[in-house]
C-alpha atoms as a PDB file:
ATOM      1  CA  UNK A   1      16.404 -75.055  -1.175  1.00  0.00           C
ATOM      2  CA  UNK A   2      12.549 -75.563  -1.158  1.00  0.00           C
ATOM      3  CA  UNK A   3      10.460 -74.224  -3.804  1.00  0.00           C
ATOM      4  CA  UNK A   4       9.025 -71.187  -3.986  1.00  0.00           C
ATOM      5  CA  UNK A   5       6.043 -69.751  -2.490  1.00  0.00           C
ATOM      6  CA  UNK A   6       3.867 -67.471  -4.951  1.00  0.00           C
ATOM      7  CA  UNK A   7       2.675 -64.706  -2.818  1.00  0.00           C
ATOM      8  CA  UNK A   8      -0.131 -64.090  -5.417  1.00  0.00           C
ATOM      9  CA  UNK A   9      -2.015 -65.842  -8.488  1.00  0.00           C
ATOM     10  CA  UNK A  10      -0.579 -67.139 -11.493  1.00  0.00           C
ATOM     11  CA  UNK A  11       2.710 -68.370 -10.439  1.00  0.00           C
ATOM     12  CA  UNK A  12       1.840 -71.997 -10.530  1.00  0.00           C
ATOM     13  CA  UNK A  13       4.111 -72.734 -13.751  1.00  0.00           C
ATOM     14  CA  UNK A  14       7.286 -70.796 -11.664  1.00  0.00           C
ATOM     15  CA  UNK A  15       6.437 -73.001  -8.382  1.00  0.00           C
ATOM     16  CA  UNK A  16       6.055 -76.399 -10.380  1.00  0.00           C
ATOM     17  CA  UNK A  17       9.079 -75.710 -12.563  1.00  0.00           C
ATOM     18  CA  UNK A  18      11.584 -75.057  -9.762  1.00  0.00           C
ATOM     19  CA  UNK A  19      12.724 -78.232  -8.482  1.00  0.00           C
ATOM     20  CA  UNK A  20      13.810 -79.011 -12.096  1.00  0.00           C
ATOM     21  CA  UNK A  21      15.594 -75.841 -12.769  1.00  0.00           C
ATOM     22  CA  UNK A  22      16.851 -76.182  -9.215  1.00  0.00           C
ATOM     23  CA  UNK A  23      18.804 -79.422 -10.237  1.00  0.00           C
ATOM     24  CA  UNK A  24      20.002 -77.878 -13.836  1.00  0.00           C
ATOM     25  CA  UNK A  25      20.851 -74.721 -11.867  1.00  0.00           C
ATOM     26  CA  UNK A  26      23.367 -76.565  -9.780  1.00  0.00           C
ATOM     27  CA  UNK A  27      25.258 -78.199 -12.872  1.00  0.00           C
ATOM     28  CA  UNK A  28      25.284 -74.545 -14.339  1.00  0.00           C
ATOM     29  CA  UNK A  29      27.243 -73.185 -11.110  1.00  0.00           C
ATOM     30  CA  UNK A  30      30.219 -75.339 -11.597  1.00  0.00           C
ATOM     31  CA  UNK A  31      33.262 -72.797 -11.975  1.00  0.00           C
ATOM     32  CA  UNK A  32      34.570 -72.164 -15.284  1.00  0.00           C
ATOM     33  CA  UNK A  33      37.805 -70.507 -16.335  1.00  0.00           C
ATOM     34  CA  UNK A  34      36.981 -67.320 -18.028  1.00  0.00           C
ATOM     35  CA  UNK A  35      39.070 -67.560 -20.597  1.00  0.00           C
ATOM     36  CA  UNK A  36      37.667 -71.167 -21.785  1.00  0.00           C
ATOM     37  CA  UNK A  37      33.974 -69.968 -21.131  1.00  0.00           C
ATOM     38  CA  UNK A  38      34.911 -67.035 -23.662  1.00  0.00           C
ATOM     39  CA  UNK A  39      36.272 -69.771 -26.081  1.00  0.00           C
ATOM     40  CA  UNK A  40      33.233 -71.957 -25.730  1.00  0.00           C
ATOM     41  CA  UNK A  41      30.589 -71.424 -28.087  1.00  0.00           C
ATOM     42  CA  UNK A  42      28.175 -72.948 -25.937  1.00  0.00           C
ATOM     43  CA  UNK A  43      28.240 -70.223 -23.577  1.00  0.00           C
ATOM     44  CA  UNK A  44      28.755 -67.130 -25.643  1.00  0.00           C
ATOM     45  CA  UNK A  45      31.643 -64.519 -25.326  1.00  0.00           C
ATOM     46  CA  UNK A  46      32.659 -62.230 -22.742  1.00  0.00           C
ATOM     47  CA  UNK A  47      33.785 -58.671 -24.098  1.00  0.00           C
ATOM     48  CA  UNK A  48      35.556 -56.581 -21.617  1.00  0.00           C
ATOM     49  CA  UNK A  49      35.138 -52.425 -21.462  1.00  0.00           C
ATOM     50  CA  UNK A  50      37.454 -51.409 -18.578  1.00  0.00           C
ATOM     51  CA  UNK A  51      37.282 -48.070 -16.562  1.00  0.00           C
ATOM     52  CA  UNK A  52      34.241 -46.633 -18.863  1.00  0.00           C
ATOM     53  CA  UNK A  53      34.163 -42.899 -18.203  1.00  0.00           C
ATOM     54  CA  UNK A  54      30.854 -40.871 -17.590  1.00  0.00           C
ATOM     55  CA  UNK A  55      29.972 -37.140 -17.033  1.00  0.00           C
ATOM     56  CA  UNK A  56      27.744 -38.553 -13.964  1.00  0.00           C
ATOM     57  CA  UNK A  57      29.712 -41.262 -12.188  1.00  0.00           C
ATOM     58  CA  UNK A  58      32.903 -42.494 -11.497  1.00  0.00           C
ATOM     59  CA  UNK A  59      34.297 -44.547 -13.942  1.00  0.00           C
ATOM     60  CA  UNK A  60      33.603 -48.254 -13.836  1.00  0.00           C
ATOM     61  CA  UNK A  61      34.459 -51.627 -15.422  1.00  0.00           C
ATOM     62  CA  UNK A  62      31.839 -53.163 -17.956  1.00  0.00           C
ATOM     63  CA  UNK A  63      31.360 -56.738 -19.071  1.00  0.00           C
ATOM     64  CA  UNK A  64      29.222 -57.556 -22.263  1.00  0.00           C
ATOM     65  CA  UNK A  65      28.194 -61.266 -22.793  1.00  0.00           C
ATOM     66  CA  UNK A  66      27.774 -62.095 -26.299  1.00  0.00           C
ATOM     67  CA  UNK A  67      25.302 -65.173 -26.657  1.00  0.00           C
ATOM     68  CA  UNK A  68      25.764 -68.218 -28.581  1.00  0.00           C
ATOM     69  CA  UNK A  69      25.275 -67.216 -32.269  1.00  0.00           C
ATOM     70  CA  UNK A  70      25.928 -63.872 -32.054  1.00  0.00           C
ATOM     71  CA  UNK A  71      29.282 -64.018 -34.421  1.00  0.00           C
ATOM     72  CA  UNK A  72      27.598 -66.563 -36.777  1.00  0.00           C
ATOM     73  CA  UNK A  73      24.386 -64.273 -37.324  1.00  0.00           C
ATOM     74  CA  UNK A  74      25.925 -60.794 -38.527  1.00  0.00           C
ATOM     75  CA  UNK A  75      22.503 -59.403 -39.167  1.00  0.00           C
ATOM     76  CA  UNK A  76      20.233 -61.154 -36.178  1.00  0.00           C
ATOM     77  CA  UNK A  77      19.594 -58.377 -33.730  1.00  0.00           C
ATOM     78  CA  UNK A  78      19.099 -58.967 -29.898  1.00  0.00           C
ATOM     79  CA  UNK A  79      17.442 -57.853 -26.858  1.00  0.00           C
ATOM     80  CA  UNK A  80      19.691 -56.693 -24.190  1.00  0.00           C
ATOM     81  CA  UNK A  81      19.415 -57.454 -19.938  1.00  0.00           C
ATOM     82  CA  UNK A  82      21.359 -54.810 -18.242  1.00  0.00           C
ATOM     83  CA  UNK A  83      22.622 -55.926 -14.462  1.00  0.00           C
ATOM     84  CA  UNK A  84      23.947 -54.518 -11.625  1.00  0.00           C
ATOM     85  CA  UNK A  85      27.199 -55.991  -9.697  1.00  0.00           C
ATOM     86  CA  UNK A  86      28.390 -57.138 -12.825  1.00  0.00           C
ATOM     87  CA  UNK A  87      31.775 -58.243 -11.247  1.00  0.00           C
ATOM     88  CA  UNK A  88      29.658 -61.037  -9.390  1.00  0.00           C
ATOM     89  CA  UNK A  89      27.945 -62.266 -12.585  1.00  0.00           C
ATOM     90  CA  UNK A  90      29.853 -64.516 -15.051  1.00  0.00           C
ATOM     91  CA  UNK A  91      33.284 -65.473 -13.377  1.00  0.00           C
ATOM     92  CA  UNK A  92      33.801 -66.389  -9.467  1.00  0.00           C
ATOM     93  CA  UNK A  93      37.200 -65.424  -9.413  1.00  0.00           C
ATOM     94  CA  UNK A  94      36.121 -62.138  -9.808  1.00  0.00           C
ATOM     95  CA  UNK A  95      33.165 -61.901  -7.951  1.00  0.00           C
ATOM     96  CA  UNK A  96      33.254 -60.437  -4.557  1.00  0.00           C
ATOM     97  CA  UNK A  97      32.711 -63.258  -2.319  1.00  0.00           C
ATOM     98  CA  UNK A  98      34.302 -65.909  -4.802  1.00  0.00           C
ATOM     99  CA  UNK A  99      30.615 -66.924  -5.843  1.00  0.00           C
ATOM    100  CA  UNK A 100      28.696 -66.009  -9.355  1.00  0.00           C
ATOM    101  CA  UNK A 101      25.399 -66.167 -11.068  1.00  0.00           C
ATOM    102  CA  UNK A 102      26.106 -68.256 -13.705  1.00  0.00           C
ATOM    103  CA  UNK A 103      24.100 -65.782 -16.093  1.00  0.00           C
ATOM    104  CA  UNK A 104      26.108 -67.150 -19.144  1.00  0.00           C
ATOM    105  CA  UNK A 105      25.353 -70.542 -18.525  1.00  0.00           C
ATOM    106  CA  UNK A 106      21.439 -69.989 -17.446  1.00  0.00           C
ATOM    107  CA  UNK A 107      20.758 -67.897 -20.669  1.00  0.00           C
ATOM    108  CA  UNK A 108      22.654 -70.178 -23.014  1.00  0.00           C
ATOM    109  CA  UNK A 109      20.625 -73.366 -21.677  1.00  0.00           C
ATOM    110  CA  UNK A 110      17.258 -71.557 -21.420  1.00  0.00           C
ATOM    111  CA  UNK A 111      17.875 -70.091 -25.147  1.00  0.00           C
ATOM    112  CA  UNK A 112      18.866 -73.300 -26.470  1.00  0.00           C
ATOM    113  CA  UNK A 113      15.260 -74.936 -25.087  1.00  0.00           C
ATOM    114  CA  UNK A 114      13.423 -71.735 -26.443  1.00  0.00           C
ATOM    115  CA  UNK A 115      12.573 -70.769 -22.911  1.00  0.00           C
ATOM    116  CA  UNK A 116      13.488 -67.313 -23.357  1.00  0.00           C
ATOM    117  CA  UNK A 117      14.402 -64.774 -25.796  1.00  0.00           C
ATOM    118  CA  UNK A 118      18.094 -64.439 -25.684  1.00  0.00           C
ATOM    119  CA  UNK A 119      19.375 -61.320 -24.767  1.00  0.00           C
ATOM    120  CA  UNK A 120      22.950 -59.658 -24.742  1.00  0.00           C
ATOM    121  CA  UNK A 121      23.898 -59.418 -21.134  1.00  0.00           C
ATOM    122  CA  UNK A 122      25.337 -55.620 -19.699  1.00  0.00           C
ATOM    123  CA  UNK A 123      27.327 -56.646 -16.302  1.00  0.00           C
ATOM    124  CA  UNK A 124      27.689 -53.038 -14.996  1.00  0.00           C
ATOM    125  CA  UNK A 125      30.565 -53.454 -11.898  1.00  0.00           C
ATOM    126  CA  UNK A 126      29.469 -51.482  -9.056  1.00  0.00           C
ATOM    127  CA  UNK A 127      32.059 -49.180  -7.151  1.00  0.00           C
ATOM    128  CA  UNK A 128      32.918 -48.075  -3.805  1.00  0.00           C
ATOM    129  CA  UNK A 129      29.972 -45.760  -3.729  1.00  0.00           C
ATOM    130  CA  UNK A 130      27.601 -48.538  -4.646  1.00  0.00           C
ATOM    131  CA  UNK A 131      25.334 -48.144  -1.560  1.00  0.00           C
ATOM    132  CA  UNK A 132      24.842 -44.223  -2.844  1.00  0.00           C
ATOM    133  CA  UNK A 133      24.433 -45.085  -6.580  1.00  0.00           C
ATOM    134  CA  UNK A 134      21.701 -47.999  -5.823  1.00  0.00           C
ATOM    135  CA  UNK A 135      19.372 -46.300  -3.048  1.00  0.00           C
ATOM    136  CA  UNK A 136      16.771 -44.332  -4.621  1.00  0.00           C
ATOM    137  CA  UNK A 137      17.011 -40.615  -4.265  1.00  0.00           C
ATOM    138  CA  UNK A 138      13.062 -40.347  -4.197  1.00  0.00           C
ATOM    139  CA  UNK A 139      12.765 -42.532  -1.418  1.00  0.00           C
ATOM    140  CA  UNK A 140      15.024 -40.685   0.423  1.00  0.00           C
ATOM    141  CA  UNK A 141      13.752 -37.079  -0.383  1.00  0.00           C
ATOM    142  CA  UNK A 142       9.799 -38.799   0.914  1.00  0.00           C
ATOM    143  CA  UNK A 143      11.049 -39.728   4.101  1.00  0.00           C
ATOM    144  CA  UNK A 144       9.621 -37.356   6.894  1.00  0.00           C
ATOM    145  CA  UNK A 145      12.220 -34.400   8.123  1.00  0.00           C
ATOM    146  CA  UNK A 146      12.739 -36.221  11.517  1.00  0.00           C
ATOM    147  CA  UNK A 147      13.712 -39.273   9.533  1.00  0.00           C
ATOM    148  CA  UNK A 148      15.377 -38.425   6.453  1.00  0.00           C
ATOM    149  CA  UNK A 149      19.071 -37.722   7.744  1.00  0.00           C
ATOM    150  CA  UNK A 150      19.274 -40.783   9.560  1.00  0.00           C
ATOM    151  CA  UNK A 151      18.192 -43.187   7.012  1.00  0.00           C
ATOM    152  CA  UNK A 152      20.534 -41.635   4.428  1.00  0.00           C
ATOM    153  CA  UNK A 153      23.100 -42.439   6.673  1.00  0.00           C
ATOM    154  CA  UNK A 154      22.817 -46.106   6.305  1.00  0.00           C
ATOM    155  CA  UNK A 155      23.831 -45.630   2.822  1.00  0.00           C
ATOM    156  CA  UNK A 156      27.011 -43.285   3.598  1.00  0.00           C
ATOM    157  CA  UNK A 157      25.648 -40.311   2.182  1.00  0.00           C
ATOM    158  CA  UNK A 158      23.363 -38.562  -0.217  1.00  0.00           C
ATOM    159  CA  UNK A 159      21.906 -40.723  -2.940  1.00  0.00           C
ATOM    160  CA  UNK A 160      23.737 -40.916  -6.196  1.00  0.00           C
ATOM    161  CA  UNK A 161      21.133 -42.647  -7.896  1.00  0.00           C
ATOM    162  CA  UNK A 162      20.109 -39.958 -10.326  1.00  0.00           C
ATOM    163  CA  UNK A 163      23.522 -39.757 -11.891  1.00  0.00           C
ATOM    164  CA  UNK A 164      23.971 -43.756 -12.090  1.00  0.00           C
ATOM    165  CA  UNK A 165      21.165 -44.056 -13.824  1.00  0.00           C
ATOM    166  CA  UNK A 166      21.844 -41.143 -16.570  1.00  0.00           C
ATOM    167  CA  UNK A 167      25.000 -43.029 -16.706  1.00  0.00           C
ATOM    168  CA  UNK A 168      22.783 -45.949 -17.869  1.00  0.00           C
ATOM    169  CA  UNK A 169      20.533 -44.310 -20.156  1.00  0.00           C
ATOM    170  CA  UNK A 170      22.332 -41.623 -21.434  1.00  0.00           C
ATOM    171  CA  UNK A 171      25.883 -42.731 -21.806  1.00  0.00           C
ATOM    172  CA  UNK A 172      26.085 -46.908 -21.744  1.00  0.00           C
ATOM    173  CA  UNK A 173      23.047 -47.760 -23.287  1.00  0.00           C
ATOM    174  CA  UNK A 174      23.701 -45.519 -26.445  1.00  0.00           C
ATOM    175  CA  UNK A 175      27.117 -47.150 -26.549  1.00  0.00           C
ATOM    176  CA  UNK A 176      25.735 -50.583 -26.333  1.00  0.00           C
ATOM    177  CA  UNK A 177      23.479 -49.926 -29.174  1.00  0.00           C
ATOM    178  CA  UNK A 178      26.321 -48.561 -31.516  1.00  0.00           C
ATOM    179  CA  UNK A 179      28.578 -51.369 -30.534  1.00  0.00           C
ATOM    180  CA  UNK A 180      26.622 -54.564 -30.652  1.00  0.00           C
ATOM    181  CA  UNK A 181      23.418 -55.379 -32.768  1.00  0.00           C
ATOM    182  CA  UNK A 182      20.782 -55.071 -30.265  1.00  0.00           C
ATOM    183  CA  UNK A 183      17.067 -54.327 -30.165  1.00  0.00           C
ATOM    184  CA  UNK A 184      17.322 -51.026 -28.620  1.00  0.00           C
ATOM    185  CA  UNK A 185      13.201 -50.519 -27.848  1.00  0.00           C
ATOM    186  CA  UNK A 186      11.874 -50.387 -24.785  1.00  0.00           C
ATOM    187  CA  UNK A 187      10.380 -54.029 -24.681  1.00  0.00           C
ATOM    188  CA  UNK A 188      13.677 -55.446 -25.769  1.00  0.00           C
ATOM    189  CA  UNK A 189      15.291 -53.954 -22.869  1.00  0.00           C
ATOM    190  CA  UNK A 190      15.322 -55.099 -19.247  1.00  0.00           C
ATOM    191  CA  UNK A 191      17.378 -54.406 -16.143  1.00  0.00           C
ATOM    192  CA  UNK A 192      18.117 -56.804 -13.158  1.00  0.00           C
ATOM    193  CA  UNK A 193      19.820 -56.925  -9.702  1.00  0.00           C
ATOM    194  CA  UNK A 194      20.144 -58.219  -6.255  1.00  0.00           C
ATOM    195  CA  UNK A 195      19.656 -56.587  -2.825  1.00  0.00           C
ATOM    196  CA  UNK A 196      20.689 -53.054  -3.516  1.00  0.00           C
ATOM    197  CA  UNK A 197      20.368 -53.916  -7.101  1.00  0.00           C
ATOM    198  CA  UNK A 198      17.188 -54.696  -6.732  1.00  0.00           C
ATOM    199  CA  UNK A 199      15.787 -51.637  -5.507  1.00  0.00           C
ATOM    200  CA  UNK A 200      17.889 -49.604  -8.131  1.00  0.00           C
ATOM    201  CA  UNK A 201      16.359 -51.751 -10.986  1.00  0.00           C
ATOM    202  CA  UNK A 202      12.748 -51.153  -9.639  1.00  0.00           C
ATOM    203  CA  UNK A 203      13.768 -47.037  -9.605  1.00  0.00           C
ATOM    204  CA  UNK A 204      14.963 -47.727 -13.208  1.00  0.00           C
ATOM    205  CA  UNK A 205      11.799 -48.668 -14.048  1.00  0.00           C
ATOM    206  CA  UNK A 206       9.944 -46.180 -12.574  1.00  0.00           C
ATOM    207  CA  UNK A 207      12.441 -43.278 -13.811  1.00  0.00           C
ATOM    208  CA  UNK A 208      12.764 -44.409 -17.232  1.00  0.00           C
ATOM    209  CA  UNK A 209       9.716 -46.570 -18.079  1.00  0.00           C
ATOM    210  CA  UNK A 210      10.400 -45.497 -22.119  1.00  0.00           C
ATOM    211  CA  UNK A 211      13.727 -47.181 -21.606  1.00  0.00           C
ATOM    212  CA  UNK A 212      13.106 -50.302 -19.659  1.00  0.00           C
ATOM    213  CA  UNK A 213      10.412 -52.580 -20.458  1.00  0.00           C
ATOM    214  CA  UNK A 214      10.978 -55.196 -17.489  1.00  0.00           C
ATOM    215  CA  UNK A 215      13.020 -55.056 -14.292  1.00  0.00           C
ATOM    216  CA  UNK A 216      14.048 -57.729 -11.890  1.00  0.00           C
ATOM    217  CA  UNK A 217      14.308 -57.222  -8.074  1.00  0.00           C
ATOM    218  CA  UNK A 218      15.943 -60.477  -6.771  1.00  0.00           C
ATOM    219  CA  UNK A 219      16.276 -60.277  -2.555  1.00  0.00           C
ATOM    220  CA  UNK A 220      15.281 -56.654  -2.560  1.00  0.00           C
ATOM    221  CA  UNK A 221      17.251 -54.527   0.319  1.00  0.00           C
ATOM    222  CA  UNK A 222      14.743 -52.753   2.175  1.00  0.00           C
ATOM    223  CA  UNK A 223      15.957 -51.000   5.012  1.00  0.00           C
ATOM    224  CA  UNK A 224      15.783 -52.661   8.381  1.00  0.00           C
ATOM    225  CA  UNK A 225      16.546 -50.157  10.944  1.00  0.00           C
ATOM    226  CA  UNK A 226      19.159 -47.313  11.928  1.00  0.00           C
ATOM    227  CA  UNK A 227      22.033 -48.003  14.454  1.00  0.00           C
ATOM    228  CA  UNK A 228      20.603 -47.592  17.811  1.00  0.00           C
ATOM    229  CA  UNK A 229      17.216 -48.275  17.344  1.00  0.00           C
ATOM    230  CA  UNK A 230      16.947 -51.583  19.172  1.00  0.00           C
ATOM    231  CA  UNK A 231      13.332 -50.929  21.093  1.00  0.00           C
ATOM    232  CA  UNK A 232      10.506 -52.620  19.300  1.00  0.00           C
ATOM    233  CA  UNK A 233       8.473 -49.929  20.864  1.00  0.00           C
ATOM    234  CA  UNK A 234      10.208 -47.533  18.931  1.00  0.00           C
ATOM    235  CA  UNK A 235      11.449 -49.527  16.019  1.00  0.00           C
ATOM    236  CA  UNK A 236       7.857 -50.516  15.023  1.00  0.00           C
ATOM    237  CA  UNK A 237       6.399 -47.172  14.338  1.00  0.00           C
ATOM    238  CA  UNK A 238       9.608 -46.078  12.825  1.00  0.00           C
ATOM    239  CA  UNK A 239       9.491 -48.980  10.469  1.00  0.00           C
ATOM    240  CA  UNK A 240       5.670 -48.340   9.685  1.00  0.00           C
ATOM    241  CA  UNK A 241       6.394 -44.607   8.571  1.00  0.00           C
ATOM    242  CA  UNK A 242       9.277 -45.466   6.465  1.00  0.00           C
ATOM    243  CA  UNK A 243       7.251 -48.058   4.898  1.00  0.00           C
ATOM    244  CA  UNK A 244       4.335 -45.974   4.275  1.00  0.00           C
ATOM    245  CA  UNK A 245       6.258 -43.098   2.429  1.00  0.00           C
ATOM    246  CA  UNK A 246       7.948 -45.632   0.337  1.00  0.00           C
ATOM    247  CA  UNK A 247       4.697 -47.628  -0.603  1.00  0.00           C
ATOM    248  CA  UNK A 248       3.675 -43.935  -1.227  1.00  0.00           C
ATOM    249  CA  UNK A 249       6.467 -43.319  -3.965  1.00  0.00           C
ATOM    250  CA  UNK A 250       6.561 -46.265  -5.691  1.00  0.00           C
ATOM    251  CA  UNK A 251       2.394 -46.105  -6.219  1.00  0.00           C
ATOM    252  CA  UNK A 252       2.913 -42.774  -7.818  1.00  0.00           C
ATOM    253  CA  UNK A 253       5.976 -43.736  -9.877  1.00  0.00           C
ATOM    254  CA  UNK A 254       5.161 -46.750 -11.211  1.00  0.00           C
ATOM    255  CA  UNK A 255       4.405 -47.201 -14.842  1.00  0.00           C
ATOM    256  CA  UNK A 256       0.534 -47.782 -16.016  1.00  0.00           C
ATOM    257  CA  UNK A 257       0.024 -51.338 -15.546  1.00  0.00           C
ATOM    258  CA  UNK A 258      -0.153 -53.395 -18.698  1.00  0.00           C
ATOM    259  CA  UNK A 259       3.209 -52.244 -20.547  1.00  0.00           C
ATOM    260  CA  UNK A 260       5.729 -53.584 -18.312  1.00  0.00           C
ATOM    261  CA  UNK A 261       7.148 -56.516 -16.413  1.00  0.00           C
ATOM    262  CA  UNK A 262       8.069 -56.061 -12.934  1.00  0.00           C
ATOM    263  CA  UNK A 263       9.383 -59.256 -10.763  1.00  0.00           C
ATOM    264  CA  UNK A 264      10.352 -59.377  -6.936  1.00  0.00           C
ATOM    265  CA  UNK A 265      11.714 -62.593  -5.216  1.00  0.00           C
ATOM    266  CA  UNK A 266      13.111 -63.304  -1.525  1.00  0.00           C
ATOM    267  CA  UNK A 267      14.434 -66.016   0.454  1.00  0.00           C
ATOM    268  CA  UNK A 268      13.609 -66.394   4.321  1.00  0.00           C
ATOM    269  CA  UNK A 269      16.901 -66.927   5.521  1.00  0.00           C
ATOM    270  CA  UNK A 270      20.016 -64.477   6.808  1.00  0.00           C
ATOM    271  CA  UNK A 271      19.079 -60.920   5.452  1.00  0.00           C
ATOM    272  CA  UNK A 272      16.294 -61.670   3.536  1.00  0.00           C
ATOM    273  CA  UNK A 273      14.410 -63.113   6.607  1.00  0.00           C
ATOM    274  CA  UNK A 274      13.844 -59.661   7.821  1.00  0.00           C
ATOM    275  CA  UNK A 275      12.110 -58.688   4.527  1.00  0.00           C
ATOM    276  CA  UNK A 276       8.789 -59.836   4.623  1.00  0.00           C
ATOM    277  CA  UNK A 277       6.677 -57.225   6.104  1.00  0.00           C
ATOM    278  CA  UNK A 278       8.370 -54.453   4.014  1.00  0.00           C
ATOM    279  CA  UNK A 279       7.887 -56.517   0.463  1.00  0.00           C
ATOM    280  CA  UNK A 280       4.234 -57.454   1.443  1.00  0.00           C
ATOM    281  CA  UNK A 281       3.592 -54.008   1.272  1.00  0.00           C
ATOM    282  CA  UNK A 282       4.868 -53.425  -1.452  1.00  0.00           C
ATOM    283  CA  UNK A 283       3.049 -56.033  -3.283  1.00  0.00           C
ATOM    284  CA  UNK A 284       0.034 -54.660  -2.094  1.00  0.00           C
ATOM    285  CA  UNK A 285       0.674 -51.528  -3.371  1.00  0.00           C
ATOM    286  CA  UNK A 286       1.777 -52.759  -6.774  1.00  0.00           C
ATOM    287  CA  UNK A 287      -1.371 -55.123  -6.887  1.00  0.00           C
ATOM    288  CA  UNK A 288      -3.629 -52.285  -6.156  1.00  0.00           C
ATOM    289  CA  UNK A 289      -2.203 -50.307  -8.915  1.00  0.00           C
ATOM    290  CA  UNK A 290      -3.586 -52.952 -11.333  1.00  0.00           C
ATOM    291  CA  UNK A 291      -0.740 -55.140 -12.088  1.00  0.00           C
ATOM    292  CA  UNK A 292      -2.012 -58.591 -12.579  1.00  0.00           C
ATOM    293  CA  UNK A 293       0.135 -61.740 -12.409  1.00  0.00           C
ATOM    294  CA  UNK A 294       0.921 -62.032 -15.935  1.00  0.00           C
ATOM    295  CA  UNK A 295       2.916 -58.675 -15.717  1.00  0.00           C
ATOM    296  CA  UNK A 296       3.765 -58.668 -11.719  1.00  0.00           C
ATOM    297  CA  UNK A 297       4.798 -61.410  -9.594  1.00  0.00           C
ATOM    298  CA  UNK A 298       6.670 -61.767  -6.288  1.00  0.00           C
ATOM    299  CA  UNK A 299       7.769 -64.950  -4.881  1.00  0.00           C
ATOM    300  CA  UNK A 300       9.498 -66.525  -1.598  1.00  0.00           C
ATOM    301  CA  UNK A 301      12.129 -69.023  -2.205  1.00  0.00           C
ATOM    302  CA  UNK A 302      11.915 -70.990   1.424  1.00  0.00           C
ATOM    303  CA  UNK A 303      15.774 -71.588   2.561  1.00  0.00           C
ATOM    304  CA  UNK A 304      16.958 -69.272   0.438  1.00  0.00           C
ATOM    305  CA  UNK A 305      20.225 -66.962   1.656  1.00  0.00           C
ATOM    306  CA  UNK A 306      21.123 -63.412   0.966  1.00  0.00           C
ATOM    307  CA  UNK A 307      23.906 -64.145  -1.695  1.00  0.00           C
ATOM    308  CA  UNK A 308      24.784 -65.524  -5.029  1.00  0.00           C
ATOM    309  CA  UNK A 309      24.603 -69.261  -4.521  1.00  0.00           C
ATOM    310  CA  UNK A 310      20.669 -68.830  -4.022  1.00  0.00           C
ATOM    311  CA  UNK A 311      20.558 -66.034  -6.732  1.00  0.00           C
ATOM    312  CA  UNK A 312      22.328 -68.589  -8.920  1.00  0.00           C
ATOM    313  CA  UNK A 313      19.993 -71.657  -7.886  1.00  0.00           C
ATOM    314  CA  UNK A 314      17.024 -69.608  -8.554  1.00  0.00           C
ATOM    315  CA  UNK A 315      17.992 -67.205 -11.454  1.00  0.00           C
ATOM    316  CA  UNK A 316      16.300 -69.418 -13.986  1.00  0.00           C
ATOM    317  CA  UNK A 317      12.636 -68.500 -12.505  1.00  0.00           C
ATOM    318  CA  UNK A 318      13.185 -64.354 -13.078  1.00  0.00           C
ATOM    319  CA  UNK A 319      14.845 -65.142 -16.570  1.00  0.00           C
ATOM    320  CA  UNK A 320      11.924 -67.117 -17.833  1.00  0.00           C
ATOM    321  CA  UNK A 321       9.285 -64.337 -16.774  1.00  0.00           C
ATOM    322  CA  UNK A 322      11.169 -61.383 -17.716  1.00  0.00           C
ATOM    323  CA  UNK A 323      12.393 -62.574 -21.065  1.00  0.00           C
ATOM    324  CA  UNK A 324       9.658 -64.551 -22.467  1.00  0.00           C
ATOM    325  CA  UNK A 325       9.470 -65.632 -25.828  1.00  0.00           C
ATOM    326  CA  UNK A 326       6.595 -63.323 -26.711  1.00  0.00           C
ATOM    327  CA  UNK A 327       6.249 -59.867 -25.397  1.00  0.00           C
END
């Protein structure tokens, strides 16, 4: 994979450091047995919370990663990073496609070298309703009447994202803050995901800006087309109307610039190859709202695919941006 291209100013350090991080990430991605990892102090400890109930969504498993030093420092409190698609984060044998992000290895290494504030990681597993839970309801509602049903059909039905975010904010986060030694404030609470998980991370920042201080949106999956719409003469204006509607929602829903961090990236292979136009418009919208390079970053990773292997290889980049040692 080639180093990233910055799509705005202020990203030089991410580009210059990518080669070194990619090599290290290759070693970090080597599979380890789940039990062995849980016992290894250099990689922290995993705690499973199966079938967590909710008044808003279906029950789901939650995996909590406690960082190295958590058990040895009984008075210390930790930031928290919430991540979607939790079964893909720590253990390749549980991952949907057999490849994990290697989140624990990356964070343990970055923490040991002082490059990030060390977080507790809360991996929220997905369910068969993933697409409906991850598509932002406000984006669907904003579509013109003649487009809404067609776009909604891409995700399998009406959005369930409002209930999913209520689960995170009203049920899961209070449980995590009661159960573990967290730093519960906004500036110590981040959210992150890939593909549709990137889209719902953006929505979480928009809907709950007093809860989440940072969002990482990796290979964010923007809608490409609807079934049967293959003629470019029809597809181009359809997509333009969709992009304009969604950019408007994001412009109106973004928190005021200066108090949060927001990260986007994408590759240019497989699904990621189709995101350029949509992502560029969203980037322009965010920068026009006053988000400077110290708070907003959007990168392109040449040669990167839309999969966990690619996200593992560049995970250092969003982590060091979202969890900088000084907020």
